[in-house]
Amino acid sequence: MVKGACETLDCTYAISATGIAGPTGGTPTIPVGTIWLAYGTQSDVHTYKLTEDFGRDRNLAIATNKALQLLLEFLQNKQLSELK
């Protein structure tokens, strides 16, 4: 989804998320609280999996905060590597 977002929106960086925030929809193999995040550029995509269930509202808040944190760290690391 990150690659598609970058292409469709003509942007350099993107974040995407998919999963089951709850309160229903989980299965034994993919329980509620399983949320996959992706972030990066069209050519450099990273993923992160959340697995805790704190209720729908908290799950969404945690996923949003984590996605932004991951993108910020990605950008900081990218900037540091460009300075070397």
N, C-alpha and C. Protein backbone atom coordinates (compact mmCIF):
# COMPACT_ATOMS: atom_id res chain seq x y z
N MET A 1 0.81 -1.20 0.00
CA MET A 1 0.00 0.00 0.00
C MET A 1 0.86 1.26 0.00
N VAL A 2 2.03 1.19 0.63
CA VAL A 2 2.92 2.35 0.63
C VAL A 2 3.34 2.68 -0.80
N LYS A 3 3.74 1.67 -1.55
CA LYS A 3 4.15 1.90 -2.93
C LYS A 3 3.01 2.50 -3.74
N GLY A 4 1.83 1.95 -3.58
CA GLY A 4 0.66 2.45 -4.31
C GLY A 4 0.29 3.87 -3.91
N ALA A 5 0.40 4.17 -2.62
CA ALA A 5 0.09 5.53 -2.15
C ALA A 5 1.09 6.53 -2.72
N CYS A 6 2.37 6.17 -2.70
CA CYS A 6 3.38 7.07 -3.26
C CYS A 6 3.13 7.32 -4.74
N GLU A 7 2.79 6.27 -5.46
CA GLU A 7 2.54 6.41 -6.89
C GLU A 7 1.26 7.21 -7.16
N THR A 8 0.18 6.83 -6.50
CA THR A 8 -1.11 7.48 -6.75
C THR A 8 -1.12 8.94 -6.32
N LEU A 9 -0.53 9.21 -5.17
CA LEU A 9 -0.54 10.57 -4.62
C LEU A 9 0.65 11.40 -5.06
N ASP A 10 1.55 10.78 -5.83
CA ASP A 10 2.77 11.44 -6.30
C ASP A 10 3.52 12.07 -5.12
N CYS A 11 3.77 11.23 -4.10
CA CYS A 11 4.50 11.71 -2.92
C CYS A 11 5.72 10.83 -2.70
N THR A 12 6.61 11.28 -1.86
CA THR A 12 7.85 10.57 -1.61
C THR A 12 7.70 9.54 -0.50
N TYR A 13 6.96 9.89 0.55
CA TYR A 13 6.81 9.02 1.72
C TYR A 13 5.34 8.73 1.98
N ALA A 14 5.07 7.55 2.56
CA ALA A 14 3.69 7.20 2.88
C ALA A 14 3.66 6.23 4.06
N ILE A 15 2.49 6.16 4.68
CA ILE A 15 2.19 5.23 5.76
C ILE A 15 0.93 4.49 5.36
N SER A 16 0.87 3.21 5.68
CA SER A 16 -0.37 2.46 5.46
C SER A 16 -0.61 1.54 6.66
N ALA A 17 -1.87 1.16 6.82
CA ALA A 17 -2.24 0.27 7.92
C ALA A 17 -3.36 -0.65 7.48
N THR A 18 -3.34 -1.86 8.00
CA THR A 18 -4.41 -2.81 7.77
C THR A 18 -4.46 -3.74 8.97
N GLY A 19 -5.62 -4.27 9.23
CA GLY A 19 -5.71 -5.21 10.34
C GLY A 19 -7.10 -5.24 10.93
N ILE A 20 -7.16 -5.70 12.18
CA ILE A 20 -8.44 -5.87 12.86
C ILE A 20 -8.38 -5.10 14.17
N ALA A 21 -8.96 -3.91 14.18
CA ALA A 21 -8.93 -3.06 15.37
C ALA A 21 -9.95 -3.51 16.41
N GLY A 22 -11.00 -4.18 15.98
CA GLY A 22 -12.02 -4.68 16.91
C GLY A 22 -13.27 -3.83 16.88
N PRO A 23 -14.21 -4.13 17.68
CA PRO A 23 -14.18 -5.14 18.73
C PRO A 23 -14.43 -6.56 18.21
N THR A 24 -14.89 -6.68 16.96
CA THR A 24 -15.12 -8.01 16.40
C THR A 24 -14.30 -8.17 15.14
N GLY A 25 -14.39 -9.34 14.53
CA GLY A 25 -13.72 -9.56 13.26
C GLY A 25 -12.48 -10.42 13.36
N GLY A 26 -12.03 -10.69 14.56
CA GLY A 26 -10.84 -11.50 14.72
C GLY A 26 -11.13 -12.97 14.49
N THR A 27 -10.07 -13.71 14.24
CA THR A 27 -10.14 -15.17 14.10
C THR A 27 -9.05 -15.76 14.99
N PRO A 28 -9.07 -17.07 15.20
CA PRO A 28 -8.00 -17.67 16.00
C PRO A 28 -6.59 -17.41 15.43
N THR A 29 -6.48 -17.32 14.11
CA THR A 29 -5.15 -17.09 13.52
C THR A 29 -4.81 -15.61 13.39
N ILE A 30 -5.82 -14.75 13.29
CA ILE A 30 -5.61 -13.30 13.23
C ILE A 30 -6.55 -12.65 14.25
N PRO A 31 -6.12 -12.56 15.50
CA PRO A 31 -7.01 -12.03 16.53
C PRO A 31 -7.18 -10.52 16.46
N VAL A 32 -8.23 -10.04 17.12
CA VAL A 32 -8.44 -8.60 17.25
C VAL A 32 -7.19 -7.98 17.86
N GLY A 33 -6.81 -6.84 17.35
CA GLY A 33 -5.60 -6.16 17.81
C GLY A 33 -4.42 -6.37 16.89
N THR A 34 -4.56 -7.28 15.92
CA THR A 34 -3.49 -7.49 14.94
C THR A 34 -3.59 -6.39 13.89
N ILE A 35 -2.60 -5.52 13.88
CA ILE A 35 -2.58 -4.41 12.94
C ILE A 35 -1.19 -4.33 12.33
N TRP A 36 -1.15 -4.37 11.01
CA TRP A 36 0.12 -4.24 10.28
C TRP A 36 0.27 -2.80 9.82
N LEU A 37 1.43 -2.23 10.05
CA LEU A 37 1.77 -0.89 9.60
C LEU A 37 2.88 -1.01 8.55
N ALA A 38 2.84 -0.14 7.58
CA ALA A 38 3.92 -0.05 6.60
C ALA A 38 4.27 1.42 6.43
N TYR A 39 5.53 1.68 6.16
CA TYR A 39 5.98 3.06 6.01
C TYR A 39 7.24 3.08 5.15
N GLY A 40 7.48 4.20 4.52
CA GLY A 40 8.69 4.34 3.72
C GLY A 40 8.44 5.01 2.40
N THR A 41 9.24 4.61 1.43
CA THR A 41 9.17 5.16 0.08
C THR A 41 8.78 4.04 -0.89
N GLN A 42 8.60 4.41 -2.12
CA GLN A 42 8.25 3.42 -3.14
C GLN A 42 9.29 2.31 -3.25
N SER A 43 10.54 2.64 -3.01
CA SER A 43 11.61 1.65 -3.16
C SER A 43 12.16 1.13 -1.83
N ASP A 44 11.64 1.62 -0.72
CA ASP A 44 12.16 1.23 0.59
C ASP A 44 11.02 1.15 1.61
N VAL A 45 10.31 0.03 1.61
CA VAL A 45 9.13 -0.16 2.47
C VAL A 45 9.51 -1.01 3.68
N HIS A 46 9.07 -0.58 4.85
CA HIS A 46 9.29 -1.32 6.09
C HIS A 46 7.92 -1.63 6.71
N THR A 47 7.87 -2.71 7.49
CA THR A 47 6.61 -3.09 8.12
C THR A 47 6.80 -3.29 9.62
N TYR A 48 5.68 -3.23 10.33
CA TYR A 48 5.67 -3.42 11.78
C TYR A 48 4.32 -4.02 12.16
N LYS A 49 4.34 -5.01 13.04
CA LYS A 49 3.11 -5.69 13.43
C LYS A 49 2.77 -5.40 14.88
N LEU A 50 1.55 -4.93 15.11
CA LEU A 50 1.01 -4.76 16.46
C LEU A 50 0.13 -5.95 16.77
N THR A 51 0.16 -6.45 18.00
CA THR A 51 -0.59 -7.66 18.31
C THR A 51 -1.42 -7.58 19.59
N GLU A 52 -1.40 -6.47 20.27
CA GLU A 52 -2.14 -6.35 21.53
C GLU A 52 -3.54 -5.79 21.28
N ASP A 53 -4.52 -6.24 22.06
CA ASP A 53 -5.89 -5.72 21.97
C ASP A 53 -6.22 -4.92 23.22
N PHE A 54 -6.38 -3.61 23.03
CA PHE A 54 -6.75 -2.72 24.12
C PHE A 54 -8.12 -2.10 23.90
N GLY A 55 -8.89 -2.65 22.99
CA GLY A 55 -10.17 -2.05 22.60
C GLY A 55 -9.97 -1.22 21.35
N ARG A 56 -11.03 -1.10 20.56
CA ARG A 56 -10.94 -0.46 19.25
C ARG A 56 -10.31 0.93 19.29
N ASP A 57 -10.81 1.81 20.14
CA ASP A 57 -10.30 3.18 20.16
C ASP A 57 -8.82 3.24 20.51
N ARG A 58 -8.42 2.49 21.51
CA ARG A 58 -7.00 2.47 21.89
C ARG A 58 -6.15 1.80 20.82
N ASN A 59 -6.66 0.72 20.23
CA ASN A 59 -5.91 0.06 19.16
C ASN A 59 -5.62 1.03 18.02
N LEU A 60 -6.62 1.82 17.65
CA LEU A 60 -6.43 2.79 16.56
C LEU A 60 -5.47 3.89 16.96
N ALA A 61 -5.58 4.36 18.20
CA ALA A 61 -4.67 5.41 18.68
C ALA A 61 -3.24 4.91 18.74
N ILE A 62 -3.06 3.71 19.25
CA ILE A 62 -1.72 3.12 19.32
C ILE A 62 -1.14 2.93 17.93
N ALA A 63 -1.94 2.43 17.01
CA ALA A 63 -1.46 2.22 15.64
C ALA A 63 -1.08 3.54 14.97
N THR A 64 -1.90 4.57 15.18
CA THR A 64 -1.60 5.87 14.60
C THR A 64 -0.30 6.43 15.15
N ASN A 65 -0.17 6.41 16.47
CA ASN A 65 1.05 6.93 17.10
C ASN A 65 2.28 6.15 16.69
N LYS A 66 2.17 4.83 16.65
CA LYS A 66 3.32 4.00 16.27
C LYS A 66 3.72 4.24 14.82
N ALA A 67 2.74 4.37 13.94
CA ALA A 67 3.04 4.62 12.52
C ALA A 67 3.79 5.94 12.35
N LEU A 68 3.35 6.97 13.04
CA LEU A 68 4.02 8.27 12.95
C LEU A 68 5.42 8.20 13.55
N GLN A 69 5.56 7.48 14.66
CA GLN A 69 6.87 7.31 15.29
C GLN A 69 7.83 6.58 14.35
N LEU A 70 7.35 5.51 13.74
CA LEU A 70 8.18 4.74 12.81
C LEU A 70 8.61 5.57 11.60
N LEU A 71 7.68 6.35 11.05
CA LEU A 71 8.03 7.19 9.90
C LEU A 71 9.05 8.26 10.31
N LEU A 72 8.88 8.85 11.48
CA LEU A 72 9.83 9.85 11.96
C LEU A 72 11.23 9.24 12.12
N GLU A 73 11.31 8.06 12.73
CA GLU A 73 12.60 7.38 12.88
C GLU A 73 13.20 7.05 11.51
N PHE A 74 12.37 6.62 10.58
CA PHE A 74 12.82 6.33 9.22
C PHE A 74 13.43 7.57 8.59
N LEU A 75 12.75 8.70 8.72
CA LEU A 75 13.24 9.95 8.13
C LEU A 75 14.53 10.40 8.81
N GLN A 76 14.61 10.26 10.13
CA GLN A 76 15.83 10.64 10.84
C GLN A 76 17.01 9.77 10.41
N ASN A 77 16.79 8.46 10.30
CA ASN A 77 17.86 7.56 9.85
C ASN A 77 18.28 7.87 8.43
N LYS A 78 17.31 8.19 7.59
CA LYS A 78 17.60 8.53 6.20
C LYS A 78 18.45 9.81 6.14
N GLN A 79 18.10 10.78 6.96
CA GLN A 79 18.84 12.04 6.99
C GLN A 79 20.27 11.80 7.48
N LEU A 80 20.43 10.98 8.52
CA LEU A 80 21.75 10.67 9.04
C LEU A 80 22.61 9.96 8.00
N SER A 81 22.02 9.03 7.28
CA SER A 81 22.79 8.29 6.27
C SER A 81 23.19 9.19 5.10
N GLU A 82 22.39 10.20 4.82
CA GLU A 82 22.73 11.13 3.73
C GLU A 82 23.85 12.07 4.15
N LEU A 83 24.03 12.30 5.44
CA LEU A 83 25.09 13.18 5.93
C LEU A 83 26.45 12.51 5.92
N LYS A 84 26.48 11.19 5.89
CA LYS A 84 27.76 10.45 5.94
C LYS A 84 28.47 10.48 4.62
